Amino acid sequence: MIDYPQRIKQLRVKYNLTQEQLAKKLGVGRTTIAYIEQGSREINDSVKLNLLKEFYYDIENDVYIKELENIDIKPKNLIKLPFYRIGVSAGSGTYINDDILEDYIIFDKRVLNVLLPKNSNLEYLQCFSVSGDSMTSPEGKGILNGDLIFVDISKKQIFDGIYVIEANNELRIKRLIKNLDGTLFIQSDNPKYPKEVFNPETSDFTLSIVGRVIFNISRSIF
């Protein structure tokens, strides 16, 4: 039998949270957390999903995402995704050469199905580490240096959003906005980086789409 009270208490201690702070993150009242830790209230599915979303914690298997690579649980639920450790630059660019090595990272499909947008095709996912702060907002939000991003390489048609692009043989992560005339605004969320404009007919650099960023995991979790 799963010891939910103990697991909830351990998680709260792990992140140095009060019962009230944890309750707020999980969308319940403080007394609910108190009752769960006392063993007098069951954990419902909503709380379990919020544990996945807020802490990347699978309470059923007592596993965090960052631990899945080194644990052998229910192999049928695991998926191995391509992972580029050198990563993609949120700045001036990461030059593509032999140092951009493909590795692999393992995730639980059930966790991904909660975290990622609905109907995401896991077969087209690749993961990149992020280097730089160009996609970090002035408030310190967004994609941070060291984050892990999930990129859907099937999504190469440009709609307004964040993409991994290859520009002049360099990998970059930028927000793309397409104009009616076919030109692209290449923007950073950090205002200290200048906006660029790409016109396929007149620009002096090439640009291709690697894929669209559909989710990122904070460096503090992974």
C-alpha atoms as a PDB file:
ATOM      1  CA  MET A   1       0.000   0.000   0.000  1.00  0.00           C
ATOM      2  CA  ILE A   2       1.323   3.453  -0.944  1.00  0.00           C
ATOM      3  CA  ASP A   3       2.204   5.633   2.038  1.00  0.00           C
ATOM      4  CA  TYR A   4       0.746   8.870   0.656  1.00  0.00           C
ATOM      5  CA  PRO A   5       0.981  10.806   3.961  1.00  0.00           C
ATOM      6  CA  GLN A   6       4.695  10.115   4.278  1.00  0.00           C
ATOM      7  CA  ARG A   7       5.409  10.917   0.623  1.00  0.00           C
ATOM      8  CA  ILE A   8       3.571  14.239   0.818  1.00  0.00           C
ATOM      9  CA  LYS A   9       5.404  15.197   3.986  1.00  0.00           C
ATOM     10  CA  GLN A  10       8.776  14.221   2.468  1.00  0.00           C
ATOM     11  CA  LEU A  11       8.056  16.329  -0.620  1.00  0.00           C
ATOM     12  CA  ARG A  12       7.085  19.321   1.513  1.00  0.00           C
ATOM     13  CA  VAL A  13      10.280  19.012   3.563  1.00  0.00           C
ATOM     14  CA  LYS A  14      12.356  18.513   0.394  1.00  0.00           C
ATOM     15  CA  TYR A  15      11.225  21.895  -0.960  1.00  0.00           C
ATOM     16  CA  ASN A  16      11.092  23.595   2.463  1.00  0.00           C
ATOM     17  CA  LEU A  17       7.408  24.451   2.150  1.00  0.00           C
ATOM     18  CA  THR A  18       4.789  25.070   4.804  1.00  0.00           C
ATOM     19  CA  GLN A  19       1.494  23.223   4.551  1.00  0.00           C
ATOM     20  CA  GLU A  20      -0.119  26.451   3.373  1.00  0.00           C
ATOM     21  CA  GLN A  21       2.515  27.002   0.643  1.00  0.00           C
ATOM     22  CA  LEU A  22       2.180  23.432  -0.632  1.00  0.00           C
ATOM     23  CA  ALA A  23      -1.620  23.687  -0.571  1.00  0.00           C
ATOM     24  CA  LYS A  24      -1.478  26.817  -2.729  1.00  0.00           C
ATOM     25  CA  LYS A  25       0.710  25.091  -5.321  1.00  0.00           C
ATOM     26  CA  LEU A  26      -1.616  22.077  -5.434  1.00  0.00           C
ATOM     27  CA  GLY A  27      -4.832  24.080  -5.573  1.00  0.00           C
ATOM     28  CA  VAL A  28      -6.279  22.902  -2.266  1.00  0.00           C
ATOM     29  CA  GLY A  29      -6.795  24.317   1.225  1.00  0.00           C
ATOM     30  CA  ARG A  30      -4.189  24.085   3.971  1.00  0.00           C
ATOM     31  CA  THR A  31      -6.372  21.797   6.040  1.00  0.00           C
ATOM     32  CA  THR A  32      -6.473  19.333   3.121  1.00  0.00           C
ATOM     33  CA  ILE A  33      -2.689  18.986   3.254  1.00  0.00           C
ATOM     34  CA  ALA A  34      -2.849  18.613   7.021  1.00  0.00           C
ATOM     35  CA  TYR A  35      -5.478  15.856   6.738  1.00  0.00           C
ATOM     36  CA  ILE A  36      -3.477  14.073   4.010  1.00  0.00           C
ATOM     37  CA  GLU A  37      -0.332  14.090   6.146  1.00  0.00           C
ATOM     38  CA  GLN A  38      -2.368  12.754   9.066  1.00  0.00           C
ATOM     39  CA  GLY A  39      -3.687   9.962   6.873  1.00  0.00           C
ATOM     40  CA  SER A  40      -7.302  10.999   7.338  1.00  0.00           C
ATOM     41  CA  ARG A  41      -7.906  12.103   3.736  1.00  0.00           C
ATOM     42  CA  GLU A  42      -7.210  10.403   0.413  1.00  0.00           C
ATOM     43  CA  ILE A  43      -5.257  12.059  -2.401  1.00  0.00           C
ATOM     44  CA  ASN A  44      -7.511  12.630  -5.405  1.00  0.00           C
ATOM     45  CA  ASP A  45      -6.519  12.650  -9.078  1.00  0.00           C
ATOM     46  CA  SER A  46      -6.424  16.456  -9.220  1.00  0.00           C
ATOM     47  CA  VAL A  47      -3.755  16.587  -6.513  1.00  0.00           C
ATOM     48  CA  LYS A  48      -1.756  13.845  -8.256  1.00  0.00           C
ATOM     49  CA  LEU A  49      -1.798  15.788 -11.538  1.00  0.00           C
ATOM     50  CA  ASN A  50      -0.759  18.990  -9.800  1.00  0.00           C
ATOM     51  CA  LEU A  51       2.143  17.149  -8.171  1.00  0.00           C
ATOM     52  CA  LEU A  52       3.294  16.224 -11.676  1.00  0.00           C
ATOM     53  CA  LYS A  53       2.832  19.739 -13.018  1.00  0.00           C
ATOM     54  CA  GLU A  54       4.350  21.631 -10.103  1.00  0.00           C
ATOM     55  CA  PHE A  55       7.096  19.273  -8.941  1.00  0.00           C
ATOM     56  CA  TYR A  56       7.454  16.732 -11.800  1.00  0.00           C
ATOM     57  CA  TYR A  57       6.754  14.126  -9.142  1.00  0.00           C
ATOM     58  CA  ASP A  58       5.006  10.825  -9.824  1.00  0.00           C
ATOM     59  CA  ILE A  59       3.656  10.030  -6.362  1.00  0.00           C
ATOM     60  CA  GLU A  60       2.393   6.594  -7.384  1.00  0.00           C
ATOM     61  CA  ASN A  61       5.934   5.413  -8.163  1.00  0.00           C
ATOM     62  CA  ASP A  62       7.724   7.859  -5.828  1.00  0.00           C
ATOM     63  CA  VAL A  63       9.853   9.113  -8.725  1.00  0.00           C
ATOM     64  CA  TYR A  64      10.967  12.562  -9.894  1.00  0.00           C
ATOM     65  CA  ILE A  65      11.697  13.188 -13.580  1.00  0.00           C
ATOM     66  CA  LYS A  66      15.390  13.732 -12.896  1.00  0.00           C
ATOM     67  CA  GLU A  67      15.594  10.251 -11.342  1.00  0.00           C
ATOM     68  CA  LEU A  68      13.914   8.341 -14.165  1.00  0.00           C
ATOM     69  CA  GLU A  69      17.147   7.909 -16.098  1.00  0.00           C
ATOM     70  CA  ASN A  70      18.614   5.771 -13.315  1.00  0.00           C
ATOM     71  CA  ILE A  71      15.602   3.742 -12.235  1.00  0.00           C
ATOM     72  CA  ASP A  72      14.100   0.616 -13.712  1.00  0.00           C
ATOM     73  CA  ILE A  73      10.344   0.902 -13.261  1.00  0.00           C
ATOM     74  CA  LYS A  74       7.775  -0.516 -15.612  1.00  0.00           C
ATOM     75  CA  PRO A  75       9.865  -0.327 -18.815  1.00  0.00           C
ATOM     76  CA  LYS A  76       6.737  -0.314 -20.993  1.00  0.00           C
ATOM     77  CA  ASN A  77       5.978   3.185 -19.670  1.00  0.00           C
ATOM     78  CA  LEU A  78       9.413   4.627 -20.462  1.00  0.00           C
ATOM     79  CA  ILE A  79      10.522   6.431 -23.615  1.00  0.00           C
ATOM     80  CA  LYS A  80      14.036   7.346 -24.735  1.00  0.00           C
ATOM     81  CA  LEU A  81      14.287  10.786 -26.359  1.00  0.00           C
ATOM     82  CA  PRO A  82      17.228  12.302 -28.250  1.00  0.00           C
ATOM     83  CA  PHE A  83      19.001  14.827 -26.010  1.00  0.00           C
ATOM     84  CA  TYR A  84      21.576  17.408 -27.128  1.00  0.00           C
ATOM     85  CA  ARG A  85      23.640  18.167 -24.029  1.00  0.00           C
ATOM     86  CA  ILE A  86      25.720  20.994 -25.524  1.00  0.00           C
ATOM     87  CA  GLY A  87      22.425  22.482 -26.433  1.00  0.00           C
ATOM     88  CA  VAL A  88      20.874  25.428 -28.130  1.00  0.00           C
ATOM     89  CA  SER A  89      21.803  29.039 -27.517  1.00  0.00           C
ATOM     90  CA  ALA A  90      19.419  31.619 -26.101  1.00  0.00           C
ATOM     91  CA  GLY A  91      21.850  34.257 -27.261  1.00  0.00           C
ATOM     92  CA  SER A  92      24.139  34.713 -30.230  1.00  0.00           C
ATOM     93  CA  GLY A  93      24.138  31.087 -31.358  1.00  0.00           C
ATOM     94  CA  THR A  94      25.718  27.681 -30.797  1.00  0.00           C
ATOM     95  CA  TYR A  95      27.886  26.606 -33.703  1.00  0.00           C
ATOM     96  CA  ILE A  96      26.954  23.194 -35.106  1.00  0.00           C
ATOM     97  CA  ASN A  97      30.004  20.955 -35.183  1.00  0.00           C
ATOM     98  CA  ASP A  98      31.187  17.653 -33.764  1.00  0.00           C
ATOM     99  CA  ASP A  99      30.752  18.993 -30.212  1.00  0.00           C
ATOM    100  CA  ILE A 100      26.957  18.996 -30.612  1.00  0.00           C
ATOM    101  CA  LEU A 101      26.640  15.394 -29.530  1.00  0.00           C
ATOM    102  CA  GLU A 102      23.366  13.530 -29.457  1.00  0.00           C
ATOM    103  CA  ASP A 103      22.689  11.657 -26.263  1.00  0.00           C
ATOM    104  CA  TYR A 104      19.487  10.169 -24.873  1.00  0.00           C
ATOM    105  CA  ILE A 105      17.305  10.862 -21.888  1.00  0.00           C
ATOM    106  CA  ILE A 106      14.569   8.658 -20.463  1.00  0.00           C
ATOM    107  CA  PHE A 107      11.133   9.816 -19.338  1.00  0.00           C
ATOM    108  CA  ASP A 108       7.956   8.185 -18.136  1.00  0.00           C
ATOM    109  CA  LYS A 109       5.295   8.520 -20.853  1.00  0.00           C
ATOM    110  CA  ARG A 110       2.607   9.101 -18.237  1.00  0.00           C
ATOM    111  CA  VAL A 111       4.470  12.134 -16.915  1.00  0.00           C
ATOM    112  CA  LEU A 112       4.970  13.566 -20.403  1.00  0.00           C
ATOM    113  CA  ASN A 113       1.304  13.073 -21.240  1.00  0.00           C
ATOM    114  CA  VAL A 114       0.442  15.356 -18.309  1.00  0.00           C
ATOM    115  CA  LEU A 115       3.138  17.974 -18.870  1.00  0.00           C
ATOM    116  CA  LEU A 116       3.027  18.339 -22.641  1.00  0.00           C
ATOM    117  CA  PRO A 117       0.204  19.788 -24.749  1.00  0.00           C
ATOM    118  CA  LYS A 118      -2.577  17.353 -25.599  1.00  0.00           C
ATOM    119  CA  ASN A 119      -2.045  15.143 -28.649  1.00  0.00           C
ATOM    120  CA  SER A 120       1.741  15.656 -28.591  1.00  0.00           C
ATOM    121  CA  ASN A 121       3.434  12.990 -30.703  1.00  0.00           C
ATOM    122  CA  LEU A 122       6.297  11.644 -28.582  1.00  0.00           C
ATOM    123  CA  GLU A 123       7.957  10.123 -31.661  1.00  0.00           C
ATOM    124  CA  TYR A 124       8.844  13.619 -32.915  1.00  0.00           C
ATOM    125  CA  LEU A 125      10.250  14.993 -29.647  1.00  0.00           C
ATOM    126  CA  GLN A 126      13.843  16.016 -29.101  1.00  0.00           C
ATOM    127  CA  CYS A 127      15.369  17.603 -25.998  1.00  0.00           C
ATOM    128  CA  PHE A 128      17.949  20.375 -25.829  1.00  0.00           C
ATOM    129  CA  SER A 129      19.714  22.076 -22.970  1.00  0.00           C
ATOM    130  CA  VAL A 130      19.611  25.880 -23.116  1.00  0.00           C
ATOM    131  CA  SER A 131      22.595  28.177 -22.858  1.00  0.00           C
ATOM    132  CA  GLY A 132      22.040  31.904 -22.364  1.00  0.00           C
ATOM    133  CA  ASP A 133      19.370  34.320 -21.172  1.00  0.00           C
ATOM    134  CA  SER A 134      17.814  35.774 -24.317  1.00  0.00           C
ATOM    135  CA  MET A 135      14.505  33.980 -23.685  1.00  0.00           C
ATOM    136  CA  THR A 136      14.291  35.093 -20.061  1.00  0.00           C
ATOM    137  CA  SER A 137      11.931  37.991 -19.416  1.00  0.00           C
ATOM    138  CA  PRO A 138      12.948  41.014 -17.293  1.00  0.00           C
ATOM    139  CA  GLU A 139      10.881  39.467 -14.468  1.00  0.00           C
ATOM    140  CA  GLY A 140      13.093  36.372 -14.539  1.00  0.00           C
ATOM    141  CA  LYS A 141      10.427  34.178 -16.122  1.00  0.00           C
ATOM    142  CA  GLY A 142      10.377  32.171 -19.324  1.00  0.00           C
ATOM    143  CA  ILE A 143      13.204  29.913 -20.508  1.00  0.00           C
ATOM    144  CA  LEU A 144      16.268  30.193 -18.296  1.00  0.00           C
ATOM    145  CA  ASN A 145      19.913  29.358 -18.773  1.00  0.00           C
ATOM    146  CA  GLY A 146      20.305  25.621 -18.126  1.00  0.00           C
ATOM    147  CA  ASP A 147      16.662  24.714 -18.733  1.00  0.00           C
ATOM    148  CA  LEU A 148      15.685  21.611 -20.670  1.00  0.00           C
ATOM    149  CA  ILE A 149      13.380  22.253 -23.631  1.00  0.00           C
ATOM    150  CA  PHE A 150      11.157  19.815 -25.511  1.00  0.00           C
ATOM    151  CA  VAL A 151      11.099  20.456 -29.261  1.00  0.00           C
ATOM    152  CA  ASP A 152       8.555  18.959 -31.670  1.00  0.00           C
ATOM    153  CA  ILE A 153      10.564  18.530 -34.874  1.00  0.00           C
ATOM    154  CA  SER A 154       7.392  17.809 -36.883  1.00  0.00           C
ATOM    155  CA  LYS A 155       6.244  21.420 -36.362  1.00  0.00           C
ATOM    156  CA  LYS A 156       8.203  23.290 -39.013  1.00  0.00           C
ATOM    157  CA  GLN A 157       5.372  25.463 -40.276  1.00  0.00           C
ATOM    158  CA  ILE A 158       5.745  28.854 -38.647  1.00  0.00           C
ATOM    159  CA  PHE A 159       3.025  30.224 -36.436  1.00  0.00           C
ATOM    160  CA  ASP A 160       3.797  32.836 -33.803  1.00  0.00           C
ATOM    161  CA  GLY A 161       5.729  30.982 -31.116  1.00  0.00           C
ATOM    162  CA  ILE A 162       9.133  29.884 -29.849  1.00  0.00           C
ATOM    163  CA  TYR A 163      11.290  27.751 -32.144  1.00  0.00           C
ATOM    164  CA  VAL A 164      14.713  26.180 -32.346  1.00  0.00           C
ATOM    165  CA  ILE A 165      16.208  27.468 -35.577  1.00  0.00           C
ATOM    166  CA  GLU A 166      19.387  26.933 -37.532  1.00  0.00           C
ATOM    167  CA  ALA A 167      20.801  30.212 -38.820  1.00  0.00           C
ATOM    168  CA  ASN A 168      24.129  30.191 -40.641  1.00  0.00           C
ATOM    169  CA  ASN A 169      24.985  26.797 -39.151  1.00  0.00           C
ATOM    170  CA  GLU A 170      24.223  27.948 -35.601  1.00  0.00           C
ATOM    171  CA  LEU A 171      21.473  26.639 -33.325  1.00  0.00           C
ATOM    172  CA  ARG A 172      19.373  29.284 -31.626  1.00  0.00           C
ATOM    173  CA  ILE A 173      16.116  29.469 -29.699  1.00  0.00           C
ATOM    174  CA  LYS A 174      13.973  32.481 -30.580  1.00  0.00           C
ATOM    175  CA  ARG A 175      10.426  33.723 -30.802  1.00  0.00           C
ATOM    176  CA  LEU A 176       9.305  33.918 -34.435  1.00  0.00           C
ATOM    177  CA  ILE A 177       6.573  36.194 -35.749  1.00  0.00           C
ATOM    178  CA  LYS A 178       5.627  35.805 -39.410  1.00  0.00           C
ATOM    179  CA  ASN A 179       4.444  38.765 -41.455  1.00  0.00           C
ATOM    180  CA  LEU A 180       2.010  38.579 -44.365  1.00  0.00           C
ATOM    181  CA  ASP A 181       4.833  39.290 -46.814  1.00  0.00           C
ATOM    182  CA  GLY A 182       6.754  36.205 -45.650  1.00  0.00           C
ATOM    183  CA  THR A 183       9.395  38.011 -43.607  1.00  0.00           C
ATOM    184  CA  LEU A 184      10.101  36.883 -40.063  1.00  0.00           C
ATOM    185  CA  PHE A 185      10.692  38.854 -36.914  1.00  0.00           C
ATOM    186  CA  ILE A 186      13.285  36.965 -34.841  1.00  0.00           C
ATOM    187  CA  GLN A 187      12.808  38.123 -31.270  1.00  0.00           C
ATOM    188  CA  SER A 188      14.167  37.478 -27.798  1.00  0.00           C
ATOM    189  CA  ASP A 189      12.076  37.808 -24.656  1.00  0.00           C
ATOM    190  CA  ASN A 190      15.005  39.607 -23.037  1.00  0.00           C
ATOM    191  CA  PRO A 191      14.951  43.227 -24.295  1.00  0.00           C
ATOM    192  CA  LYS A 192      18.743  43.547 -24.170  1.00  0.00           C
ATOM    193  CA  TYR A 193      18.929  41.415 -27.328  1.00  0.00           C
ATOM    194  CA  PRO A 194      18.065  43.197 -30.599  1.00  0.00           C
ATOM    195  CA  LYS A 195      15.201  42.149 -32.846  1.00  0.00           C
ATOM    196  CA  GLU A 196      16.188  40.733 -36.240  1.00  0.00           C
ATOM    197  CA  VAL A 197      14.300  40.528 -39.503  1.00  0.00           C
ATOM    198  CA  PHE A 198      14.684  37.634 -41.922  1.00  0.00           C
ATOM    199  CA  ASN A 199      13.616  37.961 -45.536  1.00  0.00           C
ATOM    200  CA  PRO A 200      14.193  34.760 -47.553  1.00  0.00           C
ATOM    201  CA  GLU A 201      14.817  36.807 -50.696  1.00  0.00           C
ATOM    202  CA  THR A 202      17.164  39.505 -49.417  1.00  0.00           C
ATOM    203  CA  SER A 203      18.732  38.414 -46.116  1.00  0.00           C
ATOM    204  CA  ASP A 204      22.411  37.550 -46.120  1.00  0.00           C
ATOM    205  CA  PHE A 205      21.971  34.480 -43.912  1.00  0.00           C
ATOM    206  CA  THR A 206      20.084  31.207 -44.220  1.00  0.00           C
ATOM    207  CA  LEU A 207      17.447  30.034 -41.797  1.00  0.00           C
ATOM    208  CA  SER A 208      15.744  26.684 -41.285  1.00  0.00           C
ATOM    209  CA  ILE A 209      13.332  25.429 -38.633  1.00  0.00           C
ATOM    210  CA  VAL A 210      14.440  22.581 -36.365  1.00  0.00           C
ATOM    211  CA  GLY A 211      11.116  22.479 -34.525  1.00  0.00           C
ATOM    212  CA  ARG A 212       8.755  24.264 -32.172  1.00  0.00           C
ATOM    213  CA  VAL A 213       9.374  24.451 -28.431  1.00  0.00           C
ATOM    214  CA  ILE A 214       6.349  22.981 -26.683  1.00  0.00           C
ATOM    215  CA  PHE A 215       7.548  22.788 -23.068  1.00  0.00           C
ATOM    216  CA  ASN A 216      10.524  23.528 -20.851  1.00  0.00           C
ATOM    217  CA  ILE A 217      11.667  22.107 -17.539  1.00  0.00           C
ATOM    218  CA  SER A 218      13.284  24.475 -15.072  1.00  0.00           C
ATOM    219  CA  ARG A 219      16.970  23.971 -14.345  1.00  0.00           C
ATOM    220  CA  SER A 220      16.093  23.947 -10.623  1.00  0.00           C
ATOM    221  CA  ILE A 221      14.025  20.754 -11.117  1.00  0.00           C
ATOM    222  CA  PHE A 222      16.007  18.775 -13.649  1.00  0.00           C
END
